[in-house]
């Protein structure tokens, strides 16, 4: 492979990895926001009765 082809492949893979990390970050932020909205509306979840650490 030529240097240009290797450079292009590297840029492509770097861009793909960055895009995937950005998408996972946005999904995690949206999930946390949704959970905060539910907690604000309904209050925090009830404690689990089967939890041994009471």
PDB file of N, CA and C in Angstrom:
ATOM      1  N   UNK A   1       0.846  -1.186   0.000  1.00  0.00           N
ATOM      2  CA  UNK A   1       0.000   0.000   0.000  1.00  0.00           C
ATOM      3  C   UNK A   1       0.885   1.240   0.000  1.00  0.00           C
ATOM      4  N   UNK A   2       0.355   2.239  -0.586  1.00  0.00           N
ATOM      5  CA  UNK A   2       1.105   3.492  -0.604  1.00  0.00           C
ATOM      6  C   UNK A   2       0.848   4.256   0.682  1.00  0.00           C
ATOM      7  N   UNK A   3       1.661   5.238   0.902  1.00  0.00           N
ATOM      8  CA  UNK A   3       1.522   6.069   2.106  1.00  0.00           C
ATOM      9  C   UNK A   3       0.172   6.775   2.125  1.00  0.00           C
ATOM     10  N   UNK A   4      -0.266   7.225   0.954  1.00  0.00           N
ATOM     11  CA  UNK A   4      -1.554   7.932   0.900  1.00  0.00           C
ATOM     12  C   UNK A   4      -2.714   7.004   1.244  1.00  0.00           C
ATOM     13  N   UNK A   5      -2.636   5.771   0.785  1.00  0.00           N
ATOM     14  CA  UNK A   5      -3.701   4.812   1.086  1.00  0.00           C
ATOM     15  C   UNK A   5      -3.726   4.490   2.575  1.00  0.00           C
ATOM     16  N   UNK A   6      -2.555   4.320   3.177  1.00  0.00           N
ATOM     17  CA  UNK A   6      -2.496   4.060   4.616  1.00  0.00           C
ATOM     18  C   UNK A   6      -3.004   5.258   5.421  1.00  0.00           C
ATOM     19  N   UNK A   7      -2.640   6.444   4.991  1.00  0.00           N
ATOM     20  CA  UNK A   7      -3.107   7.645   5.677  1.00  0.00           C
ATOM     21  C   UNK A   7      -4.627   7.772   5.566  1.00  0.00           C
ATOM     22  N   UNK A   8      -5.148   7.495   4.380  1.00  0.00           N
ATOM     23  CA  UNK A   8      -6.602   7.557   4.187  1.00  0.00           C
ATOM     24  C   UNK A   8      -7.331   6.531   5.037  1.00  0.00           C
ATOM     25  N   UNK A   9      -6.788   5.323   5.098  1.00  0.00           N
ATOM     26  CA  UNK A   9      -7.391   4.279   5.926  1.00  0.00           C
ATOM     27  C   UNK A   9      -7.359   4.675   7.399  1.00  0.00           C
ATOM     28  N   UNK A  10      -6.240   5.222   7.840  1.00  0.00           N
ATOM     29  CA  UNK A  10      -6.133   5.672   9.230  1.00  0.00           C
ATOM     30  C   UNK A  10      -7.137   6.764   9.558  1.00  0.00           C
ATOM     31  N   UNK A  11      -7.282   7.719   8.672  1.00  0.00           N
ATOM     32  CA  UNK A  11      -8.257   8.787   8.897  1.00  0.00           C
ATOM     33  C   UNK A  11      -9.679   8.244   8.918  1.00  0.00           C
ATOM     34  N   UNK A  12      -9.970   7.305   8.023  1.00  0.00           N
ATOM     35  CA  UNK A  12     -11.303   6.698   7.988  1.00  0.00           C
ATOM     36  C   UNK A  12     -11.604   5.975   9.297  1.00  0.00           C
ATOM     37  N   UNK A  13     -10.661   5.160   9.766  1.00  0.00           N
ATOM     38  CA  UNK A  13     -10.878   4.402  11.007  1.00  0.00           C
ATOM     39  C   UNK A  13     -10.965   5.322  12.214  1.00  0.00           C
ATOM     40  N   UNK A  14     -10.160   6.376  12.233  1.00  0.00           N
ATOM     41  CA  UNK A  14     -10.225   7.329  13.333  1.00  0.00           C
ATOM     42  C   UNK A  14     -11.578   8.035  13.350  1.00  0.00           C
ATOM     43  N   UNK A  15     -12.053   8.431  12.184  1.00  0.00           N
ATOM     44  CA  UNK A  15     -13.352   9.091  12.096  1.00  0.00           C
ATOM     45  C   UNK A  15     -14.483   8.164  12.511  1.00  0.00           C
ATOM     46  N   UNK A  16     -14.396   6.893  12.125  1.00  0.00           N
ATOM     47  CA  UNK A  16     -15.434   5.933  12.496  1.00  0.00           C
ATOM     48  C   UNK A  16     -15.445   5.702  14.000  1.00  0.00           C
ATOM     49  N   UNK A  17     -14.268   5.582  14.603  1.00  0.00           N
ATOM     50  CA  UNK A  17     -14.192   5.379  16.052  1.00  0.00           C
ATOM     51  C   UNK A  17     -14.717   6.603  16.789  1.00  0.00           C
ATOM     52  N   UNK A  18     -14.370   7.796  16.316  1.00  0.00           N
ATOM     53  CA  UNK A  18     -14.857   9.020  16.956  1.00  0.00           C
ATOM     54  C   UNK A  18     -16.369   9.119  16.850  1.00  0.00           C
ATOM     55  N   UNK A  19     -16.914   8.797  15.684  1.00  0.00           N
ATOM     56  CA  UNK A  19     -18.363   8.867  15.494  1.00  0.00           C
ATOM     57  C   UNK A  19     -19.087   7.884  16.414  1.00  0.00           C
ATOM     58  N   UNK A  20     -18.522   6.695  16.567  1.00  0.00           N
ATOM     59  CA  UNK A  20     -19.159   5.698  17.433  1.00  0.00           C
ATOM     60  C   UNK A  20     -19.097   6.136  18.896  1.00  0.00           C
ATOM     61  N   UNK A  21     -17.959   6.669  19.321  1.00  0.00           N
ATOM     62  CA  UNK A  21     -17.843   7.152  20.700  1.00  0.00           C
ATOM     63  C   UNK A  21     -18.804   8.306  20.945  1.00  0.00           C
ATOM     64  N   UNK A  22     -18.941   9.190  19.981  1.00  0.00           N
ATOM     65  CA  UNK A  22     -19.878  10.302  20.111  1.00  0.00           C
ATOM     66  C   UNK A  22     -21.320   9.801  20.195  1.00  0.00           C
ATOM     67  N   UNK A  23     -21.668   8.811  19.379  1.00  0.00           N
ATOM     68  CA  UNK A  23     -23.024   8.262  19.407  1.00  0.00           C
ATOM     69  C   UNK A  23     -23.319   7.596  20.746  1.00  0.00           C
ATOM     70  N   UNK A  24     -22.363   6.834  21.298  1.00  0.00           N
ATOM     71  CA  UNK A  24     -22.578   6.210  22.607  1.00  0.00           C
ATOM     72  C   UNK A  24     -22.699   7.262  23.697  1.00  0.00           C
ATOM     73  N   UNK A  25     -21.917   8.325  23.611  1.00  0.00           N
ATOM     74  CA  UNK A  25     -22.003   9.406  24.588  1.00  0.00           C
ATOM     75  C   UNK A  25     -23.357  10.100  24.555  1.00  0.00           C
ATOM     76  N   UNK A  26     -23.859  10.359  23.369  1.00  0.00           N
ATOM     77  CA  UNK A  26     -25.171  11.005  23.234  1.00  0.00           C
ATOM     78  C   UNK A  26     -26.264  10.079  23.748  1.00  0.00           C
ATOM     79  N   UNK A  27     -26.161   8.783  23.467  1.00  0.00           N
ATOM     80  CA  UNK A  27     -27.170   7.832  23.948  1.00  0.00           C
ATOM     81  C   UNK A  27     -27.157   7.747  25.473  1.00  0.00           C
ATOM     82  N   UNK A  28     -25.975   7.747  26.083  1.00  0.00           N
ATOM     83  CA  UNK A  28     -25.891   7.695  27.549  1.00  0.00           C
ATOM     84  C   UNK A  28     -26.450   8.968  28.159  1.00  0.00           C
ATOM     85  N   UNK A  29     -26.165  10.109  27.547  1.00  0.00           N
ATOM     86  CA  UNK A  29     -26.691  11.385  28.049  1.00  0.00           C
ATOM     87  C   UNK A  29     -28.217  11.403  27.952  1.00  0.00           C
ATOM     88  N   UNK A  30     -28.768  10.934  26.839  1.00  0.00           N
ATOM     89  CA  UNK A  30     -30.219  10.926  26.658  1.00  0.00           C
ATOM     90  C   UNK A  30     -30.885   9.987  27.662  1.00  0.00           C
ATOM     91  N   UNK A  31     -30.272   8.836  27.930  1.00  0.00           N
ATOM     92  CA  UNK A  31     -30.840   7.893  28.899  1.00  0.00           C
ATOM     93  C   UNK A  31     -30.839   8.502  30.299  1.00  0.00           C
ATOM     94  N   UNK A  32     -29.739   9.134  30.683  1.00  0.00           N
ATOM     95  CA  UNK A  32     -29.665   9.767  32.004  1.00  0.00           C
ATOM     96  C   UNK A  32     -30.691  10.894  32.117  1.00  0.00           C
ATOM     97  N   UNK A  33     -30.859  11.652  31.052  1.00  0.00           N
ATOM     98  CA  UNK A  33     -31.843  12.743  31.065  1.00  0.00           C
ATOM     99  C   UNK A  33     -33.261  12.197  31.224  1.00  0.00           C
ATOM    100  N   UNK A  34     -33.558  11.105  30.497  1.00  0.00           N
ATOM    101  CA  UNK A  34     -34.877  10.485  30.581  1.00  0.00           C
ATOM    102  C   UNK A  34     -35.130   9.970  32.000  1.00  0.00           C
ATOM    103  N   UNK A  35     -34.117   9.339  32.618  1.00  0.00           N
ATOM    104  CA  UNK A  35     -34.279   8.833  33.980  1.00  0.00           C
ATOM    105  C   UNK A  35     -34.483   9.977  34.978  1.00  0.00           C
ATOM    106  N   UNK A  36     -33.775  11.090  34.783  1.00  0.00           N
ATOM    107  CA  UNK A  36     -33.976  12.245  35.663  1.00  0.00           C
ATOM    108  C   UNK A  36     -35.389  12.796  35.530  1.00  0.00           C
ATOM    109  N   UNK A  37     -35.915  12.832  34.299  1.00  0.00           N
ATOM    110  CA  UNK A  37     -37.278  13.322  34.101  1.00  0.00           C
ATOM    111  C   UNK A  37     -38.290  12.407  34.790  1.00  0.00           C
ATOM    112  N   UNK A  38     -38.076  11.113  34.707  1.00  0.00           N
ATOM    113  CA  UNK A  38     -38.979  10.167  35.368  1.00  0.00           C
ATOM    114  C   UNK A  38     -38.901  10.344  36.873  1.00  0.00           C
ATOM    115  N   UNK A  39     -37.682  10.482  37.418  1.00  0.00           N
ATOM    116  CA  UNK A  39     -37.524  10.682  38.857  1.00  0.00           C
ATOM    117  C   UNK A  39     -38.174  11.985  39.307  1.00  0.00           C
ATOM    118  N   UNK A  40     -38.063  13.027  38.494  1.00  0.00           N
ATOM    119  CA  UNK A  40     -38.692  14.306  38.846  1.00  0.00           C
ATOM    120  C   UNK A  40     -40.210  14.189  38.860  1.00  0.00           C
ATOM    121  N   UNK A  41     -40.758  13.363  37.967  1.00  0.00           N
ATOM    122  CA  UNK A  41     -42.200  13.213  37.865  1.00  0.00           C
ATOM    123  C   UNK A  41     -42.744  12.268  38.936  1.00  0.00           C
ATOM    124  N   UNK A  42     -42.115  11.125  39.083  1.00  0.00           N
ATOM    125  CA  UNK A  42     -42.654  10.091  39.960  1.00  0.00           C
ATOM    126  C   UNK A  42     -41.940   9.990  41.309  1.00  0.00           C
ATOM    127  N   UNK A  43     -40.800  10.610  41.429  1.00  0.00           N
ATOM    128  CA  UNK A  43     -39.998  10.448  42.630  1.00  0.00           C
ATOM    129  C   UNK A  43     -39.025   9.297  42.441  1.00  0.00           C
ATOM    130  N   UNK A  44     -38.104   9.126  43.375  1.00  0.00           N
ATOM    131  CA  UNK A  44     -37.114   8.053  43.231  1.00  0.00           C
ATOM    132  C   UNK A  44     -37.770   6.682  43.318  1.00  0.00           C
ATOM    133  N   UNK A  45     -37.123   5.672  42.753  1.00  0.00           N
ATOM    134  CA  UNK A  45     -37.712   4.326  42.813  1.00  0.00           C
ATOM    135  C   UNK A  45     -37.759   3.787  44.240  1.00  0.00           C
ATOM    136  N   UNK A  46     -38.713   2.932  44.488  1.00  0.00           N
ATOM    137  CA  UNK A  46     -38.848   2.318  45.812  1.00  0.00           C
ATOM    138  C   UNK A  46     -37.678   1.374  46.059  1.00  0.00           C
ATOM    139  N   UNK A  47     -37.279   1.190  47.318  1.00  0.00           N
ATOM    140  CA  UNK A  47     -36.195   0.264  47.597  1.00  0.00           C
ATOM    141  C   UNK A  47     -36.596  -1.164  47.265  1.00  0.00           C
ATOM    142  N   UNK A  48     -35.614  -1.943  46.858  1.00  0.00           N
ATOM    143  CA  UNK A  48     -35.843  -3.335  46.500  1.00  0.00           C
ATOM    144  C   UNK A  48     -36.009  -4.157  47.780  1.00  0.00           C
ATOM    145  N   UNK A  49     -37.137  -4.835  47.975  1.00  0.00           N
ATOM    146  CA  UNK A  49     -37.344  -5.581  49.212  1.00  0.00           C
ATOM    147  C   UNK A  49     -36.389  -6.772  49.360  1.00  0.00           C
ATOM    148  N   UNK A  50     -35.822  -7.267  48.250  1.00  0.00           N
ATOM    149  CA  UNK A  50     -34.929  -8.406  48.354  1.00  0.00           C
ATOM    150  C   UNK A  50     -33.462  -7.973  48.554  1.00  0.00           C
ATOM    151  N   UNK A  51     -33.217  -6.679  48.699  1.00  0.00           N
ATOM    152  CA  UNK A  51     -31.870  -6.172  48.895  1.00  0.00           C
ATOM    153  C   UNK A  51     -31.393  -6.466  50.313  1.00  0.00           C
ATOM    154  N   UNK A  52     -30.283  -7.206  50.492  1.00  0.00           N
ATOM    155  CA  UNK A  52     -29.824  -7.538  51.856  1.00  0.00           C
ATOM    156  C   UNK A  52     -29.173  -6.348  52.573  1.00  0.00           C
ATOM    157  N   UNK A  53     -28.798  -5.293  51.837  1.00  0.00           N
ATOM    158  CA  UNK A  53     -28.116  -4.138  52.441  1.00  0.00           C
ATOM    159  C   UNK A  53     -29.127  -3.071  52.819  1.00  0.00           C
ATOM    160  N   UNK A  54     -29.925  -3.352  53.816  1.00  0.00           N
ATOM    161  CA  UNK A  54     -30.959  -2.385  54.235  1.00  0.00           C
ATOM    162  C   UNK A  54     -30.449  -1.478  55.325  1.00  0.00           C
TER     163      UNK A  54
END
